[in-house]
């Protein structure tokens, strides 16, 4: 795999090896050592920097919420939805942290993006940043697996290039978190400078952190970042932007999905048994060419695949929101 970039056959081998993994963690380093990770990230940056802040996505497509480092559940997801390039995917962020195998998850997804840039869409979640990953696991995992922080630096630099949201067939707006009082229209999102670390406040922060709420209007978020927004906010945004509804991720939902605001917002959560203890189902949404939607719920991959017993006990993490 020498040279300045990967050939299609190189990428096919990486992807095949990742799909055939029977273990996690150090296997990511075996498949792609540190210097090769840098090369893959550089190739991904070249693709992502040409994409808009709100990436247009065409149907048919499968929408996916948080996966959070649960690599064997990600493989299960692909078994249920079908593997790329035979099926198109839109991932709504939070690929890393919390789970044991963030490196494996992000390596597979970035390799798929580079190999099939028109079949895989990756947008940014609130965990795709330097500050959060230093607290919730990805930084520590990179240090443990590779012995340095260089791989973490490569990926977090890449995260600055991820689009802020997506829009499916000009009808479904897909941020990771939610809406912002600073952004009335989708074209306002397109004008933002996204190639930065996620700020602590402002419209980019809101897109990553906000949540729908039963209370009307804008509210202070209990997360300490972003806002809560009510049904009136959703209805106004959807009307002004000629949208059918919003799909977002970001929140643990015990059934894997939840409609709110008179079906104006759908939350998808795609990490089953979150943190290996929450007992929730996961869900993905399939959209066909006619925008017919089908939500598929699924349970965790069989326990013997996880290798949980052999993993080092993770340090206690602050639960800003489970």
C-alpha atoms as a PDB file:
ATOM      1  CA  UNK A   1       0.000   0.000   0.000  1.00  0.00           C
ATOM      2  CA  UNK A   2       2.825   2.357  -0.800  1.00  0.00           C
ATOM      3  CA  UNK A   3       2.672   5.637  -2.647  1.00  0.00           C
ATOM      4  CA  UNK A   4       0.641   8.746  -1.987  1.00  0.00           C
ATOM      5  CA  UNK A   5      -2.809   7.146  -2.050  1.00  0.00           C
ATOM      6  CA  UNK A   6      -4.723   3.907  -2.126  1.00  0.00           C
ATOM      7  CA  UNK A   7      -5.907   2.081  -5.214  1.00  0.00           C
ATOM      8  CA  UNK A   8      -9.418   0.661  -5.328  1.00  0.00           C
ATOM      9  CA  UNK A   9      -7.993  -2.808  -4.676  1.00  0.00           C
ATOM     10  CA  UNK A  10      -6.111  -1.489  -1.610  1.00  0.00           C
ATOM     11  CA  UNK A  11      -9.321  -0.026  -0.239  1.00  0.00           C
ATOM     12  CA  UNK A  12     -11.259  -3.195  -1.032  1.00  0.00           C
ATOM     13  CA  UNK A  13      -8.757  -5.185   1.025  1.00  0.00           C
ATOM     14  CA  UNK A  14      -9.022  -2.813   3.990  1.00  0.00           C
ATOM     15  CA  UNK A  15     -12.819  -2.965   3.886  1.00  0.00           C
ATOM     16  CA  UNK A  16     -12.916  -6.754   3.474  1.00  0.00           C
ATOM     17  CA  UNK A  17     -10.490  -7.222   6.358  1.00  0.00           C
ATOM     18  CA  UNK A  18     -12.610  -4.970   8.572  1.00  0.00           C
ATOM     19  CA  UNK A  19     -15.807  -6.840   7.742  1.00  0.00           C
ATOM     20  CA  UNK A  20     -14.111 -10.137   8.500  1.00  0.00           C
ATOM     21  CA  UNK A  21     -12.801  -9.038  11.908  1.00  0.00           C
ATOM     22  CA  UNK A  22     -13.574 -11.407  14.736  1.00  0.00           C
ATOM     23  CA  UNK A  23     -11.938  -9.184  17.316  1.00  0.00           C
ATOM     24  CA  UNK A  24     -11.683  -5.469  17.938  1.00  0.00           C
ATOM     25  CA  UNK A  25      -9.245  -2.872  19.146  1.00  0.00           C
ATOM     26  CA  UNK A  26      -5.720  -3.896  18.181  1.00  0.00           C
ATOM     27  CA  UNK A  27      -7.025  -5.427  14.939  1.00  0.00           C
ATOM     28  CA  UNK A  28      -7.553  -1.919  13.576  1.00  0.00           C
ATOM     29  CA  UNK A  29      -3.848  -1.217  14.032  1.00  0.00           C
ATOM     30  CA  UNK A  30      -2.941  -4.500  12.355  1.00  0.00           C
ATOM     31  CA  UNK A  31      -5.037  -3.677   9.295  1.00  0.00           C
ATOM     32  CA  UNK A  32      -3.927  -0.054   9.051  1.00  0.00           C
ATOM     33  CA  UNK A  33      -0.849   1.122  10.989  1.00  0.00           C
ATOM     34  CA  UNK A  34      -0.350   4.742  11.955  1.00  0.00           C
ATOM     35  CA  UNK A  35       1.310   5.987   8.752  1.00  0.00           C
ATOM     36  CA  UNK A  36      -1.417   4.369   6.649  1.00  0.00           C
ATOM     37  CA  UNK A  37      -4.159   6.014   8.738  1.00  0.00           C
ATOM     38  CA  UNK A  38      -2.659   9.400   7.846  1.00  0.00           C
ATOM     39  CA  UNK A  39      -2.842   8.520   4.151  1.00  0.00           C
ATOM     40  CA  UNK A  40      -6.481   7.407   4.425  1.00  0.00           C
ATOM     41  CA  UNK A  41      -7.467  10.573   6.291  1.00  0.00           C
ATOM     42  CA  UNK A  42      -5.776  12.760   3.661  1.00  0.00           C
ATOM     43  CA  UNK A  43      -7.740  11.015   0.920  1.00  0.00           C
ATOM     44  CA  UNK A  44     -10.967  11.481   2.861  1.00  0.00           C
ATOM     45  CA  UNK A  45     -10.235  15.196   3.386  1.00  0.00           C
ATOM     46  CA  UNK A  46      -9.913  15.691  -0.369  1.00  0.00           C
ATOM     47  CA  UNK A  47     -13.385  14.225  -0.844  1.00  0.00           C
ATOM     48  CA  UNK A  48     -15.076  15.933   2.107  1.00  0.00           C
ATOM     49  CA  UNK A  49     -13.723  19.416   1.435  1.00  0.00           C
ATOM     50  CA  UNK A  50     -15.636  19.443  -1.858  1.00  0.00           C
ATOM     51  CA  UNK A  51     -18.931  18.600  -0.149  1.00  0.00           C
ATOM     52  CA  UNK A  52     -21.377  21.284   0.940  1.00  0.00           C
ATOM     53  CA  UNK A  53     -22.139  22.121   4.564  1.00  0.00           C
ATOM     54  CA  UNK A  54     -25.529  20.505   3.988  1.00  0.00           C
ATOM     55  CA  UNK A  55     -24.781  17.517   1.800  1.00  0.00           C
ATOM     56  CA  UNK A  56     -27.434  16.602  -0.769  1.00  0.00           C
ATOM     57  CA  UNK A  57     -28.331  12.897  -0.628  1.00  0.00           C
ATOM     58  CA  UNK A  58     -30.538  11.027  -3.082  1.00  0.00           C
ATOM     59  CA  UNK A  59     -32.886   8.137  -2.420  1.00  0.00           C
ATOM     60  CA  UNK A  60     -32.832   5.193  -2.058  1.00  0.00           C
ATOM     61  CA  UNK A  61     -30.814   5.504   1.131  1.00  0.00           C
ATOM     62  CA  UNK A  62     -30.552   4.056   4.645  1.00  0.00           C
ATOM     63  CA  UNK A  63     -30.302   6.584   7.494  1.00  0.00           C
ATOM     64  CA  UNK A  64     -28.274   5.686  10.590  1.00  0.00           C
ATOM     65  CA  UNK A  65     -28.050   7.376  13.996  1.00  0.00           C
ATOM     66  CA  UNK A  66     -25.306   7.151  16.643  1.00  0.00           C
ATOM     67  CA  UNK A  67     -23.081   4.053  16.537  1.00  0.00           C
ATOM     68  CA  UNK A  68     -20.621   5.112  19.270  1.00  0.00           C
ATOM     69  CA  UNK A  69     -17.745   2.696  18.845  1.00  0.00           C
ATOM     70  CA  UNK A  70     -19.909  -0.444  18.984  1.00  0.00           C
ATOM     71  CA  UNK A  71     -18.139  -2.086  16.060  1.00  0.00           C
ATOM     72  CA  UNK A  72     -19.798  -5.503  16.108  1.00  0.00           C
ATOM     73  CA  UNK A  73     -23.196  -3.834  16.242  1.00  0.00           C
ATOM     74  CA  UNK A  74     -22.135  -1.746  13.227  1.00  0.00           C
ATOM     75  CA  UNK A  75     -21.346  -4.978  11.381  1.00  0.00           C
ATOM     76  CA  UNK A  76     -24.763  -6.291  12.443  1.00  0.00           C
ATOM     77  CA  UNK A  77     -26.314  -3.109  11.065  1.00  0.00           C
ATOM     78  CA  UNK A  78     -24.702  -3.726   7.677  1.00  0.00           C
ATOM     79  CA  UNK A  79     -25.949  -7.317   7.718  1.00  0.00           C
ATOM     80  CA  UNK A  80     -29.488  -6.036   8.288  1.00  0.00           C
ATOM     81  CA  UNK A  81     -29.427  -3.096   5.889  1.00  0.00           C
ATOM     82  CA  UNK A  82     -27.059  -4.589   3.316  1.00  0.00           C
ATOM     83  CA  UNK A  83     -23.447  -3.755   2.570  1.00  0.00           C
ATOM     84  CA  UNK A  84     -22.181  -0.893   0.447  1.00  0.00           C
ATOM     85  CA  UNK A  85     -21.954  -0.307  -2.487  1.00  0.00           C
ATOM     86  CA  UNK A  86     -25.154  -2.271  -3.070  1.00  0.00           C
ATOM     87  CA  UNK A  87     -26.972  -0.035  -0.594  1.00  0.00           C
ATOM     88  CA  UNK A  88     -26.539   3.700   0.036  1.00  0.00           C
ATOM     89  CA  UNK A  89     -26.050   5.038   3.564  1.00  0.00           C
ATOM     90  CA  UNK A  90     -26.293   8.345   5.401  1.00  0.00           C
ATOM     91  CA  UNK A  91     -24.646   8.303   8.835  1.00  0.00           C
ATOM     92  CA  UNK A  92     -25.604  11.139  11.180  1.00  0.00           C
ATOM     93  CA  UNK A  93     -22.475  11.320  13.339  1.00  0.00           C
ATOM     94  CA  UNK A  94     -21.208  10.035  16.690  1.00  0.00           C
ATOM     95  CA  UNK A  95     -19.041   7.266  15.282  1.00  0.00           C
ATOM     96  CA  UNK A  96     -16.648   7.286  18.238  1.00  0.00           C
ATOM     97  CA  UNK A  97     -16.593   7.294  22.073  1.00  0.00           C
ATOM     98  CA  UNK A  98     -18.498   5.279  24.670  1.00  0.00           C
ATOM     99  CA  UNK A  99     -18.059   1.891  22.959  1.00  0.00           C
ATOM    100  CA  UNK A 100     -14.938  -0.275  23.031  1.00  0.00           C
ATOM    101  CA  UNK A 101     -14.079  -0.112  19.315  1.00  0.00           C
ATOM    102  CA  UNK A 102     -14.164   3.475  18.094  1.00  0.00           C
ATOM    103  CA  UNK A 103     -11.052   2.973  15.972  1.00  0.00           C
ATOM    104  CA  UNK A 104     -12.608   0.048  14.138  1.00  0.00           C
ATOM    105  CA  UNK A 105     -15.850   1.946  13.514  1.00  0.00           C
ATOM    106  CA  UNK A 106     -14.279   5.118  12.184  1.00  0.00           C
ATOM    107  CA  UNK A 107     -11.681   3.231  10.147  1.00  0.00           C
ATOM    108  CA  UNK A 108     -14.334   1.164   8.369  1.00  0.00           C
ATOM    109  CA  UNK A 109     -16.645   4.128   7.739  1.00  0.00           C
ATOM    110  CA  UNK A 110     -13.873   6.392   6.431  1.00  0.00           C
ATOM    111  CA  UNK A 111     -12.533   3.606   4.197  1.00  0.00           C
ATOM    112  CA  UNK A 112     -16.056   3.096   2.808  1.00  0.00           C
ATOM    113  CA  UNK A 113     -16.380   6.843   2.221  1.00  0.00           C
ATOM    114  CA  UNK A 114     -13.103   6.991   0.299  1.00  0.00           C
ATOM    115  CA  UNK A 115     -13.933   3.868  -1.737  1.00  0.00           C
ATOM    116  CA  UNK A 116     -17.575   4.773  -2.442  1.00  0.00           C
ATOM    117  CA  UNK A 117     -17.877   8.571  -2.016  1.00  0.00           C
ATOM    118  CA  UNK A 118     -21.263   8.727  -3.762  1.00  0.00           C
ATOM    119  CA  UNK A 119     -22.696   5.780  -1.834  1.00  0.00           C
ATOM    120  CA  UNK A 120     -21.700   6.751   1.708  1.00  0.00           C
ATOM    121  CA  UNK A 121     -22.507  10.079   3.347  1.00  0.00           C
ATOM    122  CA  UNK A 122     -20.905  10.935   6.687  1.00  0.00           C
ATOM    123  CA  UNK A 123     -21.957  14.004   8.669  1.00  0.00           C
ATOM    124  CA  UNK A 124     -20.582  15.380  11.922  1.00  0.00           C
ATOM    125  CA  UNK A 125     -21.842  14.607  15.402  1.00  0.00           C
ATOM    126  CA  UNK A 126     -21.049  16.346  18.669  1.00  0.00           C
ATOM    127  CA  UNK A 127     -18.504  13.608  19.485  1.00  0.00           C
ATOM    128  CA  UNK A 128     -16.501  14.264  16.316  1.00  0.00           C
ATOM    129  CA  UNK A 129     -14.298  16.835  17.994  1.00  0.00           C
ATOM    130  CA  UNK A 130     -11.136  17.070  20.053  1.00  0.00           C
ATOM    131  CA  UNK A 131     -12.566  18.082  23.404  1.00  0.00           C
ATOM    132  CA  UNK A 132     -15.285  15.439  23.727  1.00  0.00           C
ATOM    133  CA  UNK A 133     -13.109  12.565  22.468  1.00  0.00           C
ATOM    134  CA  UNK A 134     -10.531  13.316  25.174  1.00  0.00           C
ATOM    135  CA  UNK A 135     -13.182  12.604  27.813  1.00  0.00           C
ATOM    136  CA  UNK A 136     -15.351   9.807  26.430  1.00  0.00           C
ATOM    137  CA  UNK A 137     -12.871   7.231  25.172  1.00  0.00           C
ATOM    138  CA  UNK A 138     -11.567   7.727  21.629  1.00  0.00           C
ATOM    139  CA  UNK A 139      -8.379   9.533  22.693  1.00  0.00           C
ATOM    140  CA  UNK A 140      -7.559   6.854  25.271  1.00  0.00           C
ATOM    141  CA  UNK A 141      -8.284   4.067  22.796  1.00  0.00           C
ATOM    142  CA  UNK A 142      -5.955   5.567  20.162  1.00  0.00           C
ATOM    143  CA  UNK A 143      -3.219   5.956  22.771  1.00  0.00           C
ATOM    144  CA  UNK A 144      -3.675   2.407  24.035  1.00  0.00           C
ATOM    145  CA  UNK A 145      -3.758   0.784  20.588  1.00  0.00           C
ATOM    146  CA  UNK A 146      -1.071   2.813  18.798  1.00  0.00           C
ATOM    147  CA  UNK A 147       1.060   4.008  21.693  1.00  0.00           C
ATOM    148  CA  UNK A 148       0.864   7.633  20.511  1.00  0.00           C
ATOM    149  CA  UNK A 149      -1.823  10.252  19.971  1.00  0.00           C
ATOM    150  CA  UNK A 150      -0.979  10.715  16.284  1.00  0.00           C
ATOM    151  CA  UNK A 151      -3.878   8.602  14.993  1.00  0.00           C
ATOM    152  CA  UNK A 152      -6.284  10.553  17.209  1.00  0.00           C
ATOM    153  CA  UNK A 153      -4.880  13.771  15.722  1.00  0.00           C
ATOM    154  CA  UNK A 154      -5.340  12.477  12.157  1.00  0.00           C
ATOM    155  CA  UNK A 155      -8.975  11.578  12.758  1.00  0.00           C
ATOM    156  CA  UNK A 156      -9.917  14.681  14.734  1.00  0.00           C
ATOM    157  CA  UNK A 157      -8.358  16.850  12.011  1.00  0.00           C
ATOM    158  CA  UNK A 158     -10.503  14.916   9.535  1.00  0.00           C
ATOM    159  CA  UNK A 159     -13.621  15.502  11.635  1.00  0.00           C
ATOM    160  CA  UNK A 160     -13.335  19.252  10.927  1.00  0.00           C
ATOM    161  CA  UNK A 161     -14.066  18.446   7.272  1.00  0.00           C
ATOM    162  CA  UNK A 162     -17.328  16.553   7.854  1.00  0.00           C
ATOM    163  CA  UNK A 163     -20.528  18.250   6.590  1.00  0.00           C
ATOM    164  CA  UNK A 164     -22.730  19.794   9.259  1.00  0.00           C
ATOM    165  CA  UNK A 165     -25.917  18.088   8.034  1.00  0.00           C
ATOM    166  CA  UNK A 166     -27.515  16.464   5.002  1.00  0.00           C
ATOM    167  CA  UNK A 167     -30.721  16.901   3.042  1.00  0.00           C
ATOM    168  CA  UNK A 168     -32.431  13.936   1.387  1.00  0.00           C
ATOM    169  CA  UNK A 169     -34.168  14.678  -1.930  1.00  0.00           C
ATOM    170  CA  UNK A 170     -34.623  18.323  -0.835  1.00  0.00           C
ATOM    171  CA  UNK A 171     -37.306  17.106   1.558  1.00  0.00           C
ATOM    172  CA  UNK A 172     -35.720  15.710   4.743  1.00  0.00           C
ATOM    173  CA  UNK A 173     -33.226  17.773   6.768  1.00  0.00           C
ATOM    174  CA  UNK A 174     -30.729  15.672   8.707  1.00  0.00           C
ATOM    175  CA  UNK A 175     -28.575  17.322  11.390  1.00  0.00           C
ATOM    176  CA  UNK A 176     -26.984  15.321  14.164  1.00  0.00           C
ATOM    177  CA  UNK A 177     -28.687  17.171  17.002  1.00  0.00           C
ATOM    178  CA  UNK A 178     -31.257  19.733  15.984  1.00  0.00           C
ATOM    179  CA  UNK A 179     -32.142  23.278  15.080  1.00  0.00           C
ATOM    180  CA  UNK A 180     -30.655  26.646  16.000  1.00  0.00           C
ATOM    181  CA  UNK A 181     -32.257  30.034  16.719  1.00  0.00           C
ATOM    182  CA  UNK A 182     -29.536  31.484  14.453  1.00  0.00           C
ATOM    183  CA  UNK A 183     -30.551  29.389  11.436  1.00  0.00           C
ATOM    184  CA  UNK A 184     -34.005  29.970   9.958  1.00  0.00           C
ATOM    185  CA  UNK A 185     -33.202  28.525   6.570  1.00  0.00           C
ATOM    186  CA  UNK A 186     -30.987  25.775   5.205  1.00  0.00           C
ATOM    187  CA  UNK A 187     -29.094  28.280   3.058  1.00  0.00           C
ATOM    188  CA  UNK A 188     -27.929  29.913   6.286  1.00  0.00           C
ATOM    189  CA  UNK A 189     -26.240  26.625   7.223  1.00  0.00           C
ATOM    190  CA  UNK A 190     -24.505  26.575   3.842  1.00  0.00           C
ATOM    191  CA  UNK A 191     -22.807  29.912   4.604  1.00  0.00           C
ATOM    192  CA  UNK A 192     -21.134  28.779   7.851  1.00  0.00           C
ATOM    193  CA  UNK A 193     -17.382  28.129   8.061  1.00  0.00           C
ATOM    194  CA  UNK A 194     -17.418  24.508   9.179  1.00  0.00           C
ATOM    195  CA  UNK A 195     -13.703  23.678   9.019  1.00  0.00           C
ATOM    196  CA  UNK A 196     -13.135  24.257  12.735  1.00  0.00           C
ATOM    197  CA  UNK A 197     -13.398  22.536  16.091  1.00  0.00           C
ATOM    198  CA  UNK A 198     -17.026  22.524  17.220  1.00  0.00           C
ATOM    199  CA  UNK A 199     -17.521  25.771  19.186  1.00  0.00           C
ATOM    200  CA  UNK A 200     -19.030  25.906  22.672  1.00  0.00           C
ATOM    201  CA  UNK A 201     -21.916  28.030  21.397  1.00  0.00           C
ATOM    202  CA  UNK A 202     -23.379  29.364  18.186  1.00  0.00           C
ATOM    203  CA  UNK A 203     -25.098  27.778  15.173  1.00  0.00           C
ATOM    204  CA  UNK A 204     -22.609  24.938  14.568  1.00  0.00           C
ATOM    205  CA  UNK A 205     -22.802  23.977  18.230  1.00  0.00           C
ATOM    206  CA  UNK A 206     -26.610  24.069  18.066  1.00  0.00           C
ATOM    207  CA  UNK A 207     -26.750  21.743  15.047  1.00  0.00           C
ATOM    208  CA  UNK A 208     -24.671  19.218  16.990  1.00  0.00           C
ATOM    209  CA  UNK A 209     -26.251  19.524  20.444  1.00  0.00           C
ATOM    210  CA  UNK A 210     -29.905  20.675  20.326  1.00  0.00           C
ATOM    211  CA  UNK A 211     -32.882  18.417  21.132  1.00  0.00           C
ATOM    212  CA  UNK A 212     -36.623  18.475  20.378  1.00  0.00           C
ATOM    213  CA  UNK A 213     -38.802  19.054  23.421  1.00  0.00           C
ATOM    214  CA  UNK A 214     -42.452  18.851  24.464  1.00  0.00           C
ATOM    215  CA  UNK A 215     -42.352  22.514  25.510  1.00  0.00           C
ATOM    216  CA  UNK A 216     -42.955  25.141  22.868  1.00  0.00           C
ATOM    217  CA  UNK A 217     -40.356  27.674  21.802  1.00  0.00           C
ATOM    218  CA  UNK A 218     -36.639  27.663  22.513  1.00  0.00           C
ATOM    219  CA  UNK A 219     -35.363  26.443  25.879  1.00  0.00           C
ATOM    220  CA  UNK A 220     -32.092  26.072  27.770  1.00  0.00           C
ATOM    221  CA  UNK A 221     -30.618  22.644  27.145  1.00  0.00           C
ATOM    222  CA  UNK A 222     -29.844  20.464  30.187  1.00  0.00           C
ATOM    223  CA  UNK A 223     -26.783  19.261  28.255  1.00  0.00           C
ATOM    224  CA  UNK A 224     -25.091  22.635  28.732  1.00  0.00           C
ATOM    225  CA  UNK A 225     -24.808  23.195  24.972  1.00  0.00           C
ATOM    226  CA  UNK A 226     -27.337  23.861  22.234  1.00  0.00           C
ATOM    227  CA  UNK A 227     -31.055  24.429  22.894  1.00  0.00           C
ATOM    228  CA  UNK A 228     -34.306  22.580  23.238  1.00  0.00           C
ATOM    229  CA  UNK A 229     -36.887  23.398  20.564  1.00  0.00           C
ATOM    230  CA  UNK A 230     -40.622  22.875  20.511  1.00  0.00           C
ATOM    231  CA  UNK A 231     -43.151  21.747  17.931  1.00  0.00           C
ATOM    232  CA  UNK A 232     -43.792  25.343  16.853  1.00  0.00           C
ATOM    233  CA  UNK A 233     -40.098  25.757  15.985  1.00  0.00           C
ATOM    234  CA  UNK A 234     -40.084  22.502  14.022  1.00  0.00           C
ATOM    235  CA  UNK A 235     -43.250  23.354  12.094  1.00  0.00           C
ATOM    236  CA  UNK A 236     -41.960  26.817  11.156  1.00  0.00           C
ATOM    237  CA  UNK A 237     -38.574  25.478  10.012  1.00  0.00           C
ATOM    238  CA  UNK A 238     -40.125  22.668   7.992  1.00  0.00           C
ATOM    239  CA  UNK A 239     -42.621  25.035   6.344  1.00  0.00           C
ATOM    240  CA  UNK A 240     -40.060  27.740   5.548  1.00  0.00           C
ATOM    241  CA  UNK A 241     -37.718  25.177   3.978  1.00  0.00           C
ATOM    242  CA  UNK A 242     -40.394  23.082   2.206  1.00  0.00           C
ATOM    243  CA  UNK A 243     -39.447  19.982   4.193  1.00  0.00           C
ATOM    244  CA  UNK A 244     -41.469  16.876   4.938  1.00  0.00           C
ATOM    245  CA  UNK A 245     -39.730  16.282   8.266  1.00  0.00           C
ATOM    246  CA  UNK A 246     -36.405  16.299  10.117  1.00  0.00           C
ATOM    247  CA  UNK A 247     -34.334  13.213  10.940  1.00  0.00           C
ATOM    248  CA  UNK A 248     -31.739  13.508  13.675  1.00  0.00           C
ATOM    249  CA  UNK A 249     -29.802  11.289  16.085  1.00  0.00           C
ATOM    250  CA  UNK A 250     -28.061  12.328  19.344  1.00  0.00           C
ATOM    251  CA  UNK A 251     -30.484  10.899  21.938  1.00  0.00           C
ATOM    252  CA  UNK A 252     -30.817   7.444  23.440  1.00  0.00           C
ATOM    253  CA  UNK A 253     -34.248   6.062  22.522  1.00  0.00           C
ATOM    254  CA  UNK A 254     -35.181   2.752  24.114  1.00  0.00           C
ATOM    255  CA  UNK A 255     -37.083   1.565  21.008  1.00  0.00           C
ATOM    256  CA  UNK A 256     -34.342   2.876  18.687  1.00  0.00           C
ATOM    257  CA  UNK A 257     -36.554   5.559  17.141  1.00  0.00           C
ATOM    258  CA  UNK A 258     -39.128   8.161  18.158  1.00  0.00           C
ATOM    259  CA  UNK A 259     -41.442  10.480  16.250  1.00  0.00           C
ATOM    260  CA  UNK A 260     -42.106  13.865  17.863  1.00  0.00           C
ATOM    261  CA  UNK A 261     -43.758  17.171  17.014  1.00  0.00           C
ATOM    262  CA  UNK A 262     -46.680  15.631  15.093  1.00  0.00           C
ATOM    263  CA  UNK A 263     -44.263  13.547  13.005  1.00  0.00           C
ATOM    264  CA  UNK A 264     -42.200  16.625  12.203  1.00  0.00           C
ATOM    265  CA  UNK A 265     -39.047  15.149  13.804  1.00  0.00           C
ATOM    266  CA  UNK A 266     -37.728  11.600  13.858  1.00  0.00           C
ATOM    267  CA  UNK A 267     -34.909  10.592  16.216  1.00  0.00           C
ATOM    268  CA  UNK A 268     -32.834   7.553  15.212  1.00  0.00           C
ATOM    269  CA  UNK A 269     -30.447   5.824  17.614  1.00  0.00           C
ATOM    270  CA  UNK A 270     -28.405   2.988  16.117  1.00  0.00           C
ATOM    271  CA  UNK A 271     -26.287   1.700  19.025  1.00  0.00           C
ATOM    272  CA  UNK A 272     -28.177  -1.230  20.611  1.00  0.00           C
ATOM    273  CA  UNK A 273     -27.660  -1.873  24.326  1.00  0.00           C
ATOM    274  CA  UNK A 274     -25.823   1.466  24.476  1.00  0.00           C
ATOM    275  CA  UNK A 275     -22.664   1.392  26.581  1.00  0.00           C
ATOM    276  CA  UNK A 276     -23.287  -2.378  26.859  1.00  0.00           C
ATOM    277  CA  UNK A 277     -25.755  -1.758  29.665  1.00  0.00           C
ATOM    278  CA  UNK A 278     -28.758   0.393  28.631  1.00  0.00           C
ATOM    279  CA  UNK A 279     -30.835  -2.450  27.190  1.00  0.00           C
ATOM    280  CA  UNK A 280     -32.215  -0.400  24.298  1.00  0.00           C
ATOM    281  CA  UNK A 281     -33.006  -1.512  20.785  1.00  0.00           C
ATOM    282  CA  UNK A 282     -31.440   0.286  17.811  1.00  0.00           C
ATOM    283  CA  UNK A 283     -33.054   1.430  14.574  1.00  0.00           C
ATOM    284  CA  UNK A 284     -32.276   2.513  11.026  1.00  0.00           C
ATOM    285  CA  UNK A 285     -34.618   3.995   8.423  1.00  0.00           C
ATOM    286  CA  UNK A 286     -34.820   2.871   4.805  1.00  0.00           C
ATOM    287  CA  UNK A 287     -36.115   5.317   2.192  1.00  0.00           C
ATOM    288  CA  UNK A 288     -36.933   4.063  -1.275  1.00  0.00           C
ATOM    289  CA  UNK A 289     -36.999   6.086  -4.513  1.00  0.00           C
ATOM    290  CA  UNK A 290     -40.586   7.176  -3.833  1.00  0.00           C
ATOM    291  CA  UNK A 291     -39.696   8.342  -0.299  1.00  0.00           C
ATOM    292  CA  UNK A 292     -41.579   5.447   1.250  1.00  0.00           C
ATOM    293  CA  UNK A 293     -40.049   4.900   4.675  1.00  0.00           C
ATOM    294  CA  UNK A 294     -39.421   1.733   6.626  1.00  0.00           C
ATOM    295  CA  UNK A 295     -37.917   1.705  10.114  1.00  0.00           C
ATOM    296  CA  UNK A 296     -36.027  -1.429  11.083  1.00  0.00           C
ATOM    297  CA  UNK A 297     -35.285  -2.150  14.734  1.00  0.00           C
ATOM    298  CA  UNK A 298     -32.480  -4.476  15.743  1.00  0.00           C
ATOM    299  CA  UNK A 299     -30.803  -5.914  18.818  1.00  0.00           C
ATOM    300  CA  UNK A 300     -27.099  -6.205  19.695  1.00  0.00           C
ATOM    301  CA  UNK A 301     -24.831  -8.602  17.849  1.00  0.00           C
ATOM    302  CA  UNK A 302     -24.410 -11.918  19.724  1.00  0.00           C
ATOM    303  CA  UNK A 303     -22.463 -11.365  22.925  1.00  0.00           C
ATOM    304  CA  UNK A 304     -19.665 -13.764  21.989  1.00  0.00           C
ATOM    305  CA  UNK A 305     -18.711 -11.467  19.120  1.00  0.00           C
ATOM    306  CA  UNK A 306     -18.054  -8.490  21.351  1.00  0.00           C
ATOM    307  CA  UNK A 307     -15.015  -9.713  23.205  1.00  0.00           C
ATOM    308  CA  UNK A 308     -16.231  -7.702  26.197  1.00  0.00           C
ATOM    309  CA  UNK A 309     -14.736 -10.074  28.734  1.00  0.00           C
ATOM    310  CA  UNK A 310     -11.254  -9.513  27.336  1.00  0.00           C
ATOM    311  CA  UNK A 311     -11.397  -5.736  27.240  1.00  0.00           C
ATOM    312  CA  UNK A 312      -9.691  -3.558  29.854  1.00  0.00           C
ATOM    313  CA  UNK A 313     -12.168  -2.102  32.291  1.00  0.00           C
ATOM    314  CA  UNK A 314     -12.912   1.440  31.092  1.00  0.00           C
ATOM    315  CA  UNK A 315     -12.560   4.311  33.489  1.00  0.00           C
ATOM    316  CA  UNK A 316     -15.749   5.853  34.814  1.00  0.00           C
ATOM    317  CA  UNK A 317     -17.026   8.532  32.463  1.00  0.00           C
ATOM    318  CA  UNK A 318     -19.261  11.491  33.244  1.00  0.00           C
ATOM    319  CA  UNK A 319     -22.698  10.886  31.757  1.00  0.00           C
ATOM    320  CA  UNK A 320     -23.662  14.276  30.290  1.00  0.00           C
ATOM    321  CA  UNK A 321     -26.518  12.398  28.650  1.00  0.00           C
ATOM    322  CA  UNK A 322     -27.178   8.719  28.153  1.00  0.00           C
END
